[in-house]
Amino acid sequence: MSDEILGLDEVCQLLDKPEATIKRYARESLLTNIGDEEEFKFNKVEVMRYLDFQKRLG
């Protein structure tokens, strides 16, 4: 399993969502922020799992 860490900009590009949306996903525990409150960091495996789930929903 990959331990690759993605920054906020990278997650925004992958999910095609604005920063505010990704921050809200982190606040609502849809994505787990592994950084601090000012520097958002996400595990790539989790982001890719969310992207797959999002595609399945249409």
PDB file of N, CA and C in Angstrom:
ATOM      1  N   MET A   1       0.839  -1.176   0.000  1.00  0.00           N
ATOM      2  CA  MET A   1       0.000   0.000   0.000  1.00  0.00           C
ATOM      3  C   MET A   1       0.880   1.235   0.000  1.00  0.00           C
ATOM      4  N   SER A   2       0.474   2.221  -0.778  1.00  0.00           N
ATOM      5  CA  SER A   2       1.259   3.437  -0.946  1.00  0.00           C
ATOM      6  C   SER A   2       1.110   4.369   0.256  1.00  0.00           C
ATOM      7  N   ASP A   3       2.227   4.976   0.620  1.00  0.00           N
ATOM      8  CA  ASP A   3       2.203   5.980   1.683  1.00  0.00           C
ATOM      9  C   ASP A   3       2.358   7.376   1.097  1.00  0.00           C
ATOM     10  N   GLU A   4       2.085   7.517  -0.201  1.00  0.00           N
ATOM     11  CA  GLU A   4       2.255   8.802  -0.861  1.00  0.00           C
ATOM     12  C   GLU A   4       1.264   9.814  -0.292  1.00  0.00           C
ATOM     13  N   ILE A   5       1.782  11.002  -0.022  1.00  0.00           N
ATOM     14  CA  ILE A   5       0.979  12.073   0.562  1.00  0.00           C
ATOM     15  C   ILE A   5       0.729  13.143  -0.500  1.00  0.00           C
ATOM     16  N   LEU A   6      -0.506  13.596  -0.574  1.00  0.00           N
ATOM     17  CA  LEU A   6      -0.886  14.629  -1.532  1.00  0.00           C
ATOM     18  C   LEU A   6      -1.232  15.922  -0.811  1.00  0.00           C
ATOM     19  N   GLY A   7      -0.880  17.027  -1.413  1.00  0.00           N
ATOM     20  CA  GLY A   7      -1.253  18.332  -0.887  1.00  0.00           C
ATOM     21  C   GLY A   7      -2.635  18.729  -1.368  1.00  0.00           C
ATOM     22  N   LEU A   8      -3.120  19.832  -0.855  1.00  0.00           N
ATOM     23  CA  LEU A   8      -4.460  20.313  -1.180  1.00  0.00           C
ATOM     24  C   LEU A   8      -4.623  20.551  -2.680  1.00  0.00           C
ATOM     25  N   ASP A   9      -3.645  21.186  -3.310  1.00  0.00           N
ATOM     26  CA  ASP A   9      -3.735  21.463  -4.751  1.00  0.00           C
ATOM     27  C   ASP A   9      -3.847  20.191  -5.573  1.00  0.00           C
ATOM     28  N   GLU A  10      -3.069  19.187  -5.207  1.00  0.00           N
ATOM     29  CA  GLU A  10      -3.100  17.922  -5.940  1.00  0.00           C
ATOM     30  C   GLU A  10      -4.458  17.231  -5.817  1.00  0.00           C
ATOM     31  N   VAL A  11      -5.026  17.274  -4.612  1.00  0.00           N
ATOM     32  CA  VAL A  11      -6.339  16.655  -4.395  1.00  0.00           C
ATOM     33  C   VAL A  11      -7.416  17.413  -5.166  1.00  0.00           C
ATOM     34  N   CYS A  12      -7.317  18.727  -5.190  1.00  0.00           N
ATOM     35  CA  CYS A  12      -8.275  19.535  -5.956  1.00  0.00           C
ATOM     36  C   CYS A  12      -8.244  19.149  -7.429  1.00  0.00           C
ATOM     37  N   GLN A  13      -7.058  18.950  -7.965  1.00  0.00           N
ATOM     38  CA  GLN A  13      -6.926  18.568  -9.373  1.00  0.00           C
ATOM     39  C   GLN A  13      -7.474  17.165  -9.617  1.00  0.00           C
ATOM     40  N   LEU A  14      -7.125  16.229  -8.759  1.00  0.00           N
ATOM     41  CA  LEU A  14      -7.584  14.847  -8.936  1.00  0.00           C
ATOM     42  C   LEU A  14      -9.108  14.729  -8.873  1.00  0.00           C
ATOM     43  N   LEU A  15      -9.706  15.429  -7.924  1.00  0.00           N
ATOM     44  CA  LEU A  15     -11.153  15.326  -7.734  1.00  0.00           C
ATOM     45  C   LEU A  15     -11.936  16.370  -8.526  1.00  0.00           C
ATOM     46  N   ASP A  16     -11.207  17.299  -9.168  1.00  0.00           N
ATOM     47  CA  ASP A  16     -11.821  18.388  -9.939  1.00  0.00           C
ATOM     48  C   ASP A  16     -12.804  19.186  -9.080  1.00  0.00           C
ATOM     49  N   LYS A  17     -12.318  19.567  -7.893  1.00  0.00           N
ATOM     50  CA  LYS A  17     -13.120  20.330  -6.936  1.00  0.00           C
ATOM     51  C   LYS A  17     -12.304  21.530  -6.452  1.00  0.00           C
ATOM     52  N   PRO A  18     -12.965  22.627  -6.056  1.00  0.00           N
ATOM     53  CA  PRO A  18     -12.238  23.778  -5.506  1.00  0.00           C
ATOM     54  C   PRO A  18     -11.713  23.498  -4.092  1.00  0.00           C
ATOM     55  N   GLU A  19     -10.757  24.303  -3.658  1.00  0.00           N
ATOM     56  CA  GLU A  19     -10.156  24.139  -2.322  1.00  0.00           C
ATOM     57  C   GLU A  19     -11.196  24.128  -1.220  1.00  0.00           C
ATOM     58  N   ALA A  20     -12.165  25.027  -1.304  1.00  0.00           N
ATOM     59  CA  ALA A  20     -13.188  25.113  -0.249  1.00  0.00           C
ATOM     60  C   ALA A  20     -13.936  23.789  -0.097  1.00  0.00           C
ATOM     61  N   THR A  21     -14.190  23.116  -1.196  1.00  0.00           N
ATOM     62  CA  THR A  21     -14.906  21.842  -1.153  1.00  0.00           C
ATOM     63  C   THR A  21     -14.062  20.764  -0.497  1.00  0.00           C
ATOM     64  N   ILE A  22     -12.778  20.698  -0.843  1.00  0.00           N
ATOM     65  CA  ILE A  22     -11.898  19.687  -0.258  1.00  0.00           C
ATOM     66  C   ILE A  22     -11.735  19.937   1.239  1.00  0.00           C
ATOM     67  N   LYS A  23     -11.631  21.190   1.641  1.00  0.00           N
ATOM     68  CA  LYS A  23     -11.532  21.517   3.073  1.00  0.00           C
ATOM     69  C   LYS A  23     -12.808  21.101   3.802  1.00  0.00           C
ATOM     70  N   ARG A  24     -13.954  21.304   3.154  1.00  0.00           N
ATOM     71  CA  ARG A  24     -15.223  20.892   3.759  1.00  0.00           C
ATOM     72  C   ARG A  24     -15.279  19.364   3.878  1.00  0.00           C
ATOM     73  N   TYR A  25     -14.813  18.655   2.841  1.00  0.00           N
ATOM     74  CA  TYR A  25     -14.766  17.193   2.903  1.00  0.00           C
ATOM     75  C   TYR A  25     -13.921  16.747   4.096  1.00  0.00           C
ATOM     76  N   ALA A  26     -12.830  17.453   4.356  1.00  0.00           N
ATOM     77  CA  ALA A  26     -11.967  17.111   5.490  1.00  0.00           C
ATOM     78  C   ALA A  26     -12.690  17.392   6.813  1.00  0.00           C
ATOM     79  N   ARG A  27     -13.352  18.531   6.913  1.00  0.00           N
ATOM     80  CA  ARG A  27     -14.105  18.862   8.137  1.00  0.00           C
ATOM     81  C   ARG A  27     -15.215  17.853   8.405  1.00  0.00           C
ATOM     82  N   GLU A  28     -15.858  17.375   7.332  1.00  0.00           N
ATOM     83  CA  GLU A  28     -16.980  16.437   7.462  1.00  0.00           C
ATOM     84  C   GLU A  28     -16.523  14.976   7.454  1.00  0.00           C
ATOM     85  N   SER A  29     -15.208  14.757   7.501  1.00  0.00           N
ATOM     86  CA  SER A  29     -14.601  13.418   7.549  1.00  0.00           C
ATOM     87  C   SER A  29     -14.886  12.567   6.317  1.00  0.00           C
ATOM     88  N   LEU A  30     -15.137  13.204   5.187  1.00  0.00           N
ATOM     89  CA  LEU A  30     -15.252  12.463   3.938  1.00  0.00           C
ATOM     90  C   LEU A  30     -13.859  12.109   3.420  1.00  0.00           C
ATOM     91  N   LEU A  31     -12.890  12.971   3.723  1.00  0.00           N
ATOM     92  CA  LEU A  31     -11.471  12.722   3.477  1.00  0.00           C
ATOM     93  C   LEU A  31     -10.733  13.032   4.766  1.00  0.00           C
ATOM     94  N   THR A  32      -9.721  12.249   5.078  1.00  0.00           N
ATOM     95  CA  THR A  32      -8.979  12.441   6.321  1.00  0.00           C
ATOM     96  C   THR A  32      -7.769  13.340   6.094  1.00  0.00           C
ATOM     97  N   ASN A  33      -7.769  14.494   6.746  1.00  0.00           N
ATOM     98  CA  ASN A  33      -6.623  15.405   6.692  1.00  0.00           C
ATOM     99  C   ASN A  33      -5.573  14.891   7.667  1.00  0.00           C
ATOM    100  N   ILE A  34      -4.406  14.513   7.124  1.00  0.00           N
ATOM    101  CA  ILE A  34      -3.343  14.022   7.994  1.00  0.00           C
ATOM    102  C   ILE A  34      -2.329  15.123   8.304  1.00  0.00           C
ATOM    103  N   GLY A  35      -2.605  16.339   7.820  1.00  0.00           N
ATOM    104  CA  GLY A  35      -1.781  17.492   8.145  1.00  0.00           C
ATOM    105  C   GLY A  35      -2.394  18.220   9.329  1.00  0.00           C
ATOM    106  N   ASP A  36      -1.970  19.454   9.528  1.00  0.00           N
ATOM    107  CA  ASP A  36      -2.573  20.245  10.603  1.00  0.00           C
ATOM    108  C   ASP A  36      -3.725  21.073  10.033  1.00  0.00           C
ATOM    109  N   GLU A  37      -4.299  21.938  10.850  1.00  0.00           N
ATOM    110  CA  GLU A  37      -5.465  22.706  10.424  1.00  0.00           C
ATOM    111  C   GLU A  37      -5.144  23.724   9.334  1.00  0.00           C
ATOM    112  N   GLU A  38      -3.892  24.117   9.215  1.00  0.00           N
ATOM    113  CA  GLU A  38      -3.516  25.115   8.219  1.00  0.00           C
ATOM    114  C   GLU A  38      -2.884  24.502   6.974  1.00  0.00           C
ATOM    115  N   GLU A  39      -2.354  23.299   7.090  1.00  0.00           N
ATOM    116  CA  GLU A  39      -1.716  22.644   5.952  1.00  0.00           C
ATOM    117  C   GLU A  39      -2.385  21.297   5.725  1.00  0.00           C
ATOM    118  N   PHE A  40      -3.206  21.236   4.705  1.00  0.00           N
ATOM    119  CA  PHE A  40      -3.964  20.031   4.422  1.00  0.00           C
ATOM    120  C   PHE A  40      -3.098  19.030   3.665  1.00  0.00           C
ATOM    121  N   LYS A  41      -3.079  17.803   4.144  1.00  0.00           N
ATOM    122  CA  LYS A  41      -2.350  16.697   3.521  1.00  0.00           C
ATOM    123  C   LYS A  41      -3.261  15.472   3.547  1.00  0.00           C
ATOM    124  N   PHE A  42      -3.219  14.710   2.471  1.00  0.00           N
ATOM    125  CA  PHE A  42      -4.100  13.556   2.349  1.00  0.00           C
ATOM    126  C   PHE A  42      -3.330  12.344   1.837  1.00  0.00           C
ATOM    127  N   ASN A  43      -3.732  11.159   2.273  1.00  0.00           N
ATOM    128  CA  ASN A  43      -3.142   9.919   1.802  1.00  0.00           C
ATOM    129  C   ASN A  43      -3.685   9.639   0.401  1.00  0.00           C
ATOM    130  N   LYS A  44      -2.786   9.389  -0.549  1.00  0.00           N
ATOM    131  CA  LYS A  44      -3.196   9.193  -1.945  1.00  0.00           C
ATOM    132  C   LYS A  44      -4.148   8.013  -2.095  1.00  0.00           C
ATOM    133  N   VAL A  45      -3.921   6.929  -1.379  1.00  0.00           N
ATOM    134  CA  VAL A  45      -4.792   5.755  -1.480  1.00  0.00           C
ATOM    135  C   VAL A  45      -6.229   6.122  -1.111  1.00  0.00           C
ATOM    136  N   GLU A  46      -6.398   6.890  -0.055  1.00  0.00           N
ATOM    137  CA  GLU A  46      -7.743   7.289   0.364  1.00  0.00           C
ATOM    138  C   GLU A  46      -8.396   8.197  -0.668  1.00  0.00           C
ATOM    139  N   VAL A  47      -7.633   9.129  -1.221  1.00  0.00           N
ATOM    140  CA  VAL A  47      -8.175  10.033  -2.239  1.00  0.00           C
ATOM    141  C   VAL A  47      -8.603   9.252  -3.474  1.00  0.00           C
ATOM    142  N   MET A  48      -7.792   8.288  -3.895  1.00  0.00           N
ATOM    143  CA  MET A  48      -8.129   7.488  -5.065  1.00  0.00           C
ATOM    144  C   MET A  48      -9.361   6.617  -4.797  1.00  0.00           C
ATOM    145  N   ARG A  49      -9.497   6.132  -3.576  1.00  0.00           N
ATOM    146  CA  ARG A  49     -10.676   5.349  -3.196  1.00  0.00           C
ATOM    147  C   ARG A  49     -11.927   6.233  -3.261  1.00  0.00           C
ATOM    148  N   TYR A  50     -11.813   7.472  -2.780  1.00  0.00           N
ATOM    149  CA  TYR A  50     -12.937   8.407  -2.831  1.00  0.00           C
ATOM    150  C   TYR A  50     -13.287   8.711  -4.289  1.00  0.00           C
ATOM    151  N   LEU A  51     -12.271   8.918  -5.143  1.00  0.00           N
ATOM    152  CA  LEU A  51     -12.501   9.207  -6.559  1.00  0.00           C
ATOM    153  C   LEU A  51     -13.238   8.046  -7.221  1.00  0.00           C
ATOM    154  N   ASP A  52     -12.834   6.826  -6.938  1.00  0.00           N
ATOM    155  CA  ASP A  52     -13.509   5.652  -7.486  1.00  0.00           C
ATOM    156  C   ASP A  52     -14.970   5.602  -7.032  1.00  0.00           C
ATOM    157  N   PHE A  53     -15.204   5.867  -5.762  1.00  0.00           N
ATOM    158  CA  PHE A  53     -16.552   5.873  -5.207  1.00  0.00           C
ATOM    159  C   PHE A  53     -17.403   6.961  -5.895  1.00  0.00           C
ATOM    160  N   GLN A  54     -16.808   8.133  -6.074  1.00  0.00           N
ATOM    161  CA  GLN A  54     -17.496   9.261  -6.710  1.00  0.00           C
ATOM    162  C   GLN A  54     -17.897   8.898  -8.151  1.00  0.00           C
ATOM    163  N   LYS A  55     -17.012   8.216  -8.875  1.00  0.00           N
ATOM    164  CA  LYS A  55     -17.305   7.814 -10.250  1.00  0.00           C
ATOM    165  C   LYS A  55     -18.433   6.789 -10.300  1.00  0.00           C
ATOM    166  N   ARG A  56     -18.481   5.878  -9.325  1.00  0.00           N
ATOM    167  CA  ARG A  56     -19.543   4.884  -9.276  1.00  0.00           C
ATOM    168  C   ARG A  56     -20.902   5.521  -9.063  1.00  0.00           C
ATOM    169  N   LEU A  57     -20.939   6.590  -8.275  1.00  0.00           N
ATOM    170  CA  LEU A  57     -22.208   7.275  -8.014  1.00  0.00           C
ATOM    171  C   LEU A  57     -22.693   8.065  -9.204  1.00  0.00           C
ATOM    172  N   GLY A  58     -21.745   8.432 -10.079  1.00  0.00           N
ATOM    173  CA  GLY A  58     -22.117   9.155 -11.299  1.00  0.00           C
ATOM    174  C   GLY A  58     -22.097  10.565 -11.128  1.00  0.00           C
TER     175      GLY A  58
END
